[in-house]
């Protein structure tokens, strides 16, 4: 009975870590980056604690199942590109709605509407899920068209990432959005993923 309980704890700790990896950006969006440390401590602390117990159990009781589960989880953490998977899913699922917003901005239906920043646009409630950190996008004029940034992570100061729509399909936005882009990755025609940190 005790062995089964420990096996279930091992499975639970591994599932918890994998779920955290898949949903970390949503969690950050909900509780902010400042409160992430206790969550990280709880999730990974529990996982490490169970891993140590699994090693002890292996030598003490010759029960190898819990440690195998923990090792498989560690290998998954090292091999699986969780961030890339989440970004791909986000981009594909929300692309058509983001393109609707782009058309609304280009047609003048949506304009920057935040008094303290002339480039910020608070999206209508229906579209707020398209940009993390409060449902705001950054709109910057580029000639006769607009570069538009949809946040996937809205950090502090110039620490952010997101999907950029650019009408020219070129990296003309490299110095836009007050960011120091360390990552610019083309997704599709007119669409890039950017990271500034």
C-alpha atoms as a PDB file:
ATOM      1  CA  UNK A   1       0.000   0.000   0.000  1.00  0.00           C
ATOM      2  CA  UNK A   2       2.810   2.404   0.940  1.00  0.00           C
ATOM      3  CA  UNK A   3       4.614   1.626  -2.340  1.00  0.00           C
ATOM      4  CA  UNK A   4       1.496   2.378  -4.380  1.00  0.00           C
ATOM      5  CA  UNK A   5       1.013   5.685  -2.580  1.00  0.00           C
ATOM      6  CA  UNK A   6       4.603   6.691  -3.301  1.00  0.00           C
ATOM      7  CA  UNK A   7       4.209   5.656  -6.961  1.00  0.00           C
ATOM      8  CA  UNK A   8       1.128   7.900  -7.200  1.00  0.00           C
ATOM      9  CA  UNK A   9       3.053  10.778  -5.606  1.00  0.00           C
ATOM     10  CA  UNK A  10       5.815  10.280  -8.157  1.00  0.00           C
ATOM     11  CA  UNK A  11       3.303  10.360 -11.012  1.00  0.00           C
ATOM     12  CA  UNK A  12       1.576  13.401  -9.506  1.00  0.00           C
ATOM     13  CA  UNK A  13       4.820  15.376  -9.112  1.00  0.00           C
ATOM     14  CA  UNK A  14       5.822  14.599 -12.698  1.00  0.00           C
ATOM     15  CA  UNK A  15       2.434  15.541 -14.133  1.00  0.00           C
ATOM     16  CA  UNK A  16       2.509  18.765 -12.095  1.00  0.00           C
ATOM     17  CA  UNK A  17       5.908  19.746 -13.546  1.00  0.00           C
ATOM     18  CA  UNK A  18       4.830  18.949 -17.126  1.00  0.00           C
ATOM     19  CA  UNK A  19       1.592  20.927 -16.694  1.00  0.00           C
ATOM     20  CA  UNK A  20       3.576  23.838 -15.277  1.00  0.00           C
ATOM     21  CA  UNK A  21       5.851  23.816 -18.332  1.00  0.00           C
ATOM     22  CA  UNK A  22       2.868  23.915 -20.677  1.00  0.00           C
ATOM     23  CA  UNK A  23       0.990  26.634 -18.801  1.00  0.00           C
ATOM     24  CA  UNK A  24       3.768  28.754 -17.275  1.00  0.00           C
ATOM     25  CA  UNK A  25       3.063  31.817 -19.455  1.00  0.00           C
ATOM     26  CA  UNK A  26      -0.661  31.727 -18.656  1.00  0.00           C
ATOM     27  CA  UNK A  27       0.200  31.404 -14.964  1.00  0.00           C
ATOM     28  CA  UNK A  28       2.563  34.393 -15.197  1.00  0.00           C
ATOM     29  CA  UNK A  29      -0.157  36.360 -16.977  1.00  0.00           C
ATOM     30  CA  UNK A  30      -2.595  35.606 -14.134  1.00  0.00           C
ATOM     31  CA  UNK A  31      -0.376  35.981 -11.047  1.00  0.00           C
ATOM     32  CA  UNK A  32       2.426  38.240 -12.429  1.00  0.00           C
ATOM     33  CA  UNK A  33       6.136  37.533 -12.589  1.00  0.00           C
ATOM     34  CA  UNK A  34       6.618  38.757  -8.998  1.00  0.00           C
ATOM     35  CA  UNK A  35       4.588  35.867  -7.559  1.00  0.00           C
ATOM     36  CA  UNK A  36       6.130  33.164  -9.742  1.00  0.00           C
ATOM     37  CA  UNK A  37       8.938  32.310  -7.315  1.00  0.00           C
ATOM     38  CA  UNK A  38       6.619  30.693  -4.734  1.00  0.00           C
ATOM     39  CA  UNK A  39       4.890  28.716  -7.508  1.00  0.00           C
ATOM     40  CA  UNK A  40       8.251  27.560  -8.907  1.00  0.00           C
ATOM     41  CA  UNK A  41       9.412  26.653  -5.421  1.00  0.00           C
ATOM     42  CA  UNK A  42       6.267  24.666  -4.755  1.00  0.00           C
ATOM     43  CA  UNK A  43       6.180  22.773  -8.081  1.00  0.00           C
ATOM     44  CA  UNK A  44       9.876  22.046  -8.527  1.00  0.00           C
ATOM     45  CA  UNK A  45      10.584  21.740  -4.806  1.00  0.00           C
ATOM     46  CA  UNK A  46       7.952  19.019  -4.560  1.00  0.00           C
ATOM     47  CA  UNK A  47       9.365  17.307  -7.660  1.00  0.00           C
ATOM     48  CA  UNK A  48      12.934  17.379  -6.276  1.00  0.00           C
ATOM     49  CA  UNK A  49      11.727  16.101  -2.887  1.00  0.00           C
ATOM     50  CA  UNK A  50       9.931  13.170  -4.539  1.00  0.00           C
ATOM     51  CA  UNK A  51      12.986  12.479  -6.737  1.00  0.00           C
ATOM     52  CA  UNK A  52      15.228  12.266  -3.660  1.00  0.00           C
ATOM     53  CA  UNK A  53      12.720   9.924  -2.002  1.00  0.00           C
ATOM     54  CA  UNK A  54      12.592   7.852  -5.204  1.00  0.00           C
ATOM     55  CA  UNK A  55      16.378   7.424  -5.104  1.00  0.00           C
ATOM     56  CA  UNK A  56      16.221   6.377  -1.439  1.00  0.00           C
ATOM     57  CA  UNK A  57      13.366   3.969  -2.244  1.00  0.00           C
ATOM     58  CA  UNK A  58      15.381   2.459  -5.080  1.00  0.00           C
ATOM     59  CA  UNK A  59      18.273   1.555  -2.776  1.00  0.00           C
ATOM     60  CA  UNK A  60      16.221   0.742   0.309  1.00  0.00           C
ATOM     61  CA  UNK A  61      13.304  -1.216  -1.143  1.00  0.00           C
ATOM     62  CA  UNK A  62      14.586  -2.026  -4.633  1.00  0.00           C
ATOM     63  CA  UNK A  63      11.473  -0.302  -6.021  1.00  0.00           C
ATOM     64  CA  UNK A  64      12.559   1.177  -9.356  1.00  0.00           C
ATOM     65  CA  UNK A  65       9.211   2.467 -10.710  1.00  0.00           C
ATOM     66  CA  UNK A  66       9.187   5.904  -8.975  1.00  0.00           C
ATOM     67  CA  UNK A  67      12.728   6.757 -10.054  1.00  0.00           C
ATOM     68  CA  UNK A  68      11.993   5.703 -13.643  1.00  0.00           C
ATOM     69  CA  UNK A  69       9.039   8.102 -13.701  1.00  0.00           C
ATOM     70  CA  UNK A  70      11.198  10.922 -12.319  1.00  0.00           C
ATOM     71  CA  UNK A  71      14.024  10.251 -14.805  1.00  0.00           C
ATOM     72  CA  UNK A  72      11.589  10.168 -17.738  1.00  0.00           C
ATOM     73  CA  UNK A  73      10.205  13.510 -16.582  1.00  0.00           C
ATOM     74  CA  UNK A  74      13.694  15.021 -16.317  1.00  0.00           C
ATOM     75  CA  UNK A  75      14.496  13.786 -19.844  1.00  0.00           C
ATOM     76  CA  UNK A  76      11.254  15.321 -21.132  1.00  0.00           C
ATOM     77  CA  UNK A  77      12.196  18.633 -19.506  1.00  0.00           C
ATOM     78  CA  UNK A  78      15.563  18.530 -21.256  1.00  0.00           C
ATOM     79  CA  UNK A  79      14.363  17.344 -24.672  1.00  0.00           C
ATOM     80  CA  UNK A  80      10.867  18.710 -25.321  1.00  0.00           C
ATOM     81  CA  UNK A  81      10.761  22.379 -26.466  1.00  0.00           C
ATOM     82  CA  UNK A  82       7.713  23.324 -24.384  1.00  0.00           C
ATOM     83  CA  UNK A  83       7.948  27.058 -25.154  1.00  0.00           C
ATOM     84  CA  UNK A  84       8.123  26.449 -28.890  1.00  0.00           C
ATOM     85  CA  UNK A  85       5.118  24.110 -28.788  1.00  0.00           C
ATOM     86  CA  UNK A  86       3.054  26.655 -26.846  1.00  0.00           C
ATOM     87  CA  UNK A  87       4.050  29.490 -29.199  1.00  0.00           C
ATOM     88  CA  UNK A  88       3.164  27.407 -32.271  1.00  0.00           C
ATOM     89  CA  UNK A  89      -0.242  26.539 -30.827  1.00  0.00           C
ATOM     90  CA  UNK A  90      -0.914  30.147 -29.793  1.00  0.00           C
ATOM     91  CA  UNK A  91       0.072  31.480 -33.216  1.00  0.00           C
ATOM     92  CA  UNK A  92      -2.056  29.001 -35.171  1.00  0.00           C
ATOM     93  CA  UNK A  93      -5.141  29.197 -32.954  1.00  0.00           C
ATOM     94  CA  UNK A  94      -5.221  33.009 -32.734  1.00  0.00           C
ATOM     95  CA  UNK A  95      -3.853  34.025 -36.147  1.00  0.00           C
ATOM     96  CA  UNK A  96      -7.201  34.725 -37.839  1.00  0.00           C
ATOM     97  CA  UNK A  97      -8.446  36.854 -34.921  1.00  0.00           C
ATOM     98  CA  UNK A  98      -5.155  38.752 -34.821  1.00  0.00           C
ATOM     99  CA  UNK A  99      -5.524  39.402 -38.552  1.00  0.00           C
ATOM    100  CA  UNK A 100      -9.016  40.802 -37.863  1.00  0.00           C
ATOM    101  CA  UNK A 101      -7.460  43.232 -35.384  1.00  0.00           C
ATOM    102  CA  UNK A 102      -4.806  44.204 -37.956  1.00  0.00           C
ATOM    103  CA  UNK A 103      -7.550  45.019 -40.490  1.00  0.00           C
ATOM    104  CA  UNK A 104      -9.472  47.021 -37.873  1.00  0.00           C
ATOM    105  CA  UNK A 105      -6.344  49.058 -37.103  1.00  0.00           C
ATOM    106  CA  UNK A 106      -5.575  49.596 -40.785  1.00  0.00           C
ATOM    107  CA  UNK A 107      -9.207  50.658 -41.471  1.00  0.00           C
ATOM    108  CA  UNK A 108      -9.163  53.081 -38.542  1.00  0.00           C
ATOM    109  CA  UNK A 109     -11.836  51.163 -36.583  1.00  0.00           C
ATOM    110  CA  UNK A 110      -9.364  50.682 -33.730  1.00  0.00           C
ATOM    111  CA  UNK A 111      -6.932  53.411 -32.682  1.00  0.00           C
ATOM    112  CA  UNK A 112      -4.557  53.758 -29.749  1.00  0.00           C
ATOM    113  CA  UNK A 113      -6.818  54.565 -26.810  1.00  0.00           C
ATOM    114  CA  UNK A 114      -4.619  54.804 -23.713  1.00  0.00           C
ATOM    115  CA  UNK A 115      -4.011  58.383 -22.622  1.00  0.00           C
ATOM    116  CA  UNK A 116      -0.520  57.934 -21.153  1.00  0.00           C
ATOM    117  CA  UNK A 117       0.899  56.138 -24.238  1.00  0.00           C
ATOM    118  CA  UNK A 118      -0.026  57.090 -27.797  1.00  0.00           C
ATOM    119  CA  UNK A 119       1.010  53.716 -29.219  1.00  0.00           C
ATOM    120  CA  UNK A 120      -0.967  51.469 -26.846  1.00  0.00           C
ATOM    121  CA  UNK A 121      -4.358  50.138 -27.832  1.00  0.00           C
ATOM    122  CA  UNK A 122      -6.578  48.341 -25.336  1.00  0.00           C
ATOM    123  CA  UNK A 123      -8.375  45.622 -27.267  1.00  0.00           C
ATOM    124  CA  UNK A 124     -12.134  45.137 -26.990  1.00  0.00           C
ATOM    125  CA  UNK A 125     -13.018  42.531 -24.341  1.00  0.00           C
ATOM    126  CA  UNK A 126     -13.846  39.967 -27.032  1.00  0.00           C
ATOM    127  CA  UNK A 127     -10.226  40.112 -28.283  1.00  0.00           C
ATOM    128  CA  UNK A 128      -8.367  40.685 -24.996  1.00  0.00           C
ATOM    129  CA  UNK A 129      -7.041  37.097 -24.984  1.00  0.00           C
ATOM    130  CA  UNK A 130      -4.943  37.858 -28.087  1.00  0.00           C
ATOM    131  CA  UNK A 131      -2.349  39.840 -26.128  1.00  0.00           C
ATOM    132  CA  UNK A 132      -1.009  38.901 -22.689  1.00  0.00           C
ATOM    133  CA  UNK A 133      -0.575  41.338 -19.848  1.00  0.00           C
ATOM    134  CA  UNK A 134      -3.937  43.067 -19.980  1.00  0.00           C
ATOM    135  CA  UNK A 135      -5.159  42.756 -23.560  1.00  0.00           C
ATOM    136  CA  UNK A 136      -3.153  45.675 -24.936  1.00  0.00           C
ATOM    137  CA  UNK A 137      -1.269  45.813 -28.223  1.00  0.00           C
ATOM    138  CA  UNK A 138       1.351  48.245 -29.458  1.00  0.00           C
ATOM    139  CA  UNK A 139       0.598  50.038 -32.732  1.00  0.00           C
ATOM    140  CA  UNK A 140       3.372  51.970 -34.469  1.00  0.00           C
ATOM    141  CA  UNK A 141       3.027  53.725 -37.803  1.00  0.00           C
ATOM    142  CA  UNK A 142       5.556  52.681 -40.434  1.00  0.00           C
ATOM    143  CA  UNK A 143       5.144  54.857 -43.529  1.00  0.00           C
ATOM    144  CA  UNK A 144       1.547  54.412 -44.659  1.00  0.00           C
ATOM    145  CA  UNK A 145       1.054  51.165 -42.718  1.00  0.00           C
ATOM    146  CA  UNK A 146       1.337  49.880 -39.153  1.00  0.00           C
ATOM    147  CA  UNK A 147       3.591  47.520 -37.236  1.00  0.00           C
ATOM    148  CA  UNK A 148       1.523  45.806 -34.545  1.00  0.00           C
ATOM    149  CA  UNK A 149       2.813  43.884 -31.526  1.00  0.00           C
ATOM    150  CA  UNK A 150       0.656  41.300 -29.735  1.00  0.00           C
ATOM    151  CA  UNK A 151       2.288  40.344 -26.430  1.00  0.00           C
ATOM    152  CA  UNK A 152       2.855  36.713 -25.478  1.00  0.00           C
ATOM    153  CA  UNK A 153       4.756  37.854 -22.386  1.00  0.00           C
ATOM    154  CA  UNK A 154       4.661  41.365 -21.044  1.00  0.00           C
ATOM    155  CA  UNK A 155       7.472  41.714 -18.602  1.00  0.00           C
ATOM    156  CA  UNK A 156       9.013  44.713 -16.934  1.00  0.00           C
ATOM    157  CA  UNK A 157      10.367  47.656 -18.931  1.00  0.00           C
ATOM    158  CA  UNK A 158      11.826  46.335 -22.196  1.00  0.00           C
ATOM    159  CA  UNK A 159      11.587  42.663 -21.216  1.00  0.00           C
ATOM    160  CA  UNK A 160       8.785  41.292 -23.425  1.00  0.00           C
ATOM    161  CA  UNK A 161       7.970  38.911 -26.256  1.00  0.00           C
ATOM    162  CA  UNK A 162       5.209  38.625 -28.785  1.00  0.00           C
ATOM    163  CA  UNK A 163       3.998  38.289 -32.329  1.00  0.00           C
ATOM    164  CA  UNK A 164       4.597  41.231 -34.647  1.00  0.00           C
ATOM    165  CA  UNK A 165       2.585  41.950 -37.753  1.00  0.00           C
ATOM    166  CA  UNK A 166       4.525  44.018 -40.275  1.00  0.00           C
ATOM    167  CA  UNK A 167       2.939  44.897 -43.646  1.00  0.00           C
ATOM    168  CA  UNK A 168       6.206  44.955 -45.607  1.00  0.00           C
ATOM    169  CA  UNK A 169       7.139  41.396 -44.608  1.00  0.00           C
ATOM    170  CA  UNK A 170      10.555  42.550 -43.561  1.00  0.00           C
ATOM    171  CA  UNK A 171      12.314  43.208 -40.311  1.00  0.00           C
ATOM    172  CA  UNK A 172      11.647  46.941 -40.567  1.00  0.00           C
ATOM    173  CA  UNK A 173      10.421  46.879 -36.980  1.00  0.00           C
ATOM    174  CA  UNK A 174      13.861  45.926 -35.600  1.00  0.00           C
ATOM    175  CA  UNK A 175      14.119  49.252 -33.776  1.00  0.00           C
ATOM    176  CA  UNK A 176      10.398  49.571 -33.096  1.00  0.00           C
ATOM    177  CA  UNK A 177       8.393  49.115 -29.895  1.00  0.00           C
ATOM    178  CA  UNK A 178      11.242  50.455 -27.704  1.00  0.00           C
ATOM    179  CA  UNK A 179      12.690  46.952 -27.572  1.00  0.00           C
ATOM    180  CA  UNK A 180      16.168  45.541 -27.825  1.00  0.00           C
ATOM    181  CA  UNK A 181      15.295  42.430 -29.822  1.00  0.00           C
ATOM    182  CA  UNK A 182      17.529  39.459 -29.129  1.00  0.00           C
ATOM    183  CA  UNK A 183      15.231  37.125 -31.032  1.00  0.00           C
ATOM    184  CA  UNK A 184      13.439  37.705 -34.328  1.00  0.00           C
ATOM    185  CA  UNK A 185      11.905  34.602 -35.842  1.00  0.00           C
ATOM    186  CA  UNK A 186       9.799  34.694 -39.006  1.00  0.00           C
ATOM    187  CA  UNK A 187       6.565  32.718 -38.613  1.00  0.00           C
ATOM    188  CA  UNK A 188       4.751  33.374 -41.862  1.00  0.00           C
ATOM    189  CA  UNK A 189       4.433  36.127 -44.425  1.00  0.00           C
ATOM    190  CA  UNK A 190       4.130  39.418 -42.494  1.00  0.00           C
ATOM    191  CA  UNK A 191       4.367  37.678 -39.089  1.00  0.00           C
ATOM    192  CA  UNK A 192       7.350  37.423 -36.729  1.00  0.00           C
ATOM    193  CA  UNK A 193       7.949  36.287 -33.185  1.00  0.00           C
ATOM    194  CA  UNK A 194      10.182  38.670 -31.236  1.00  0.00           C
ATOM    195  CA  UNK A 195      11.848  38.619 -27.848  1.00  0.00           C
ATOM    196  CA  UNK A 196      13.356  41.623 -26.100  1.00  0.00           C
ATOM    197  CA  UNK A 197      15.339  41.098 -22.889  1.00  0.00           C
END
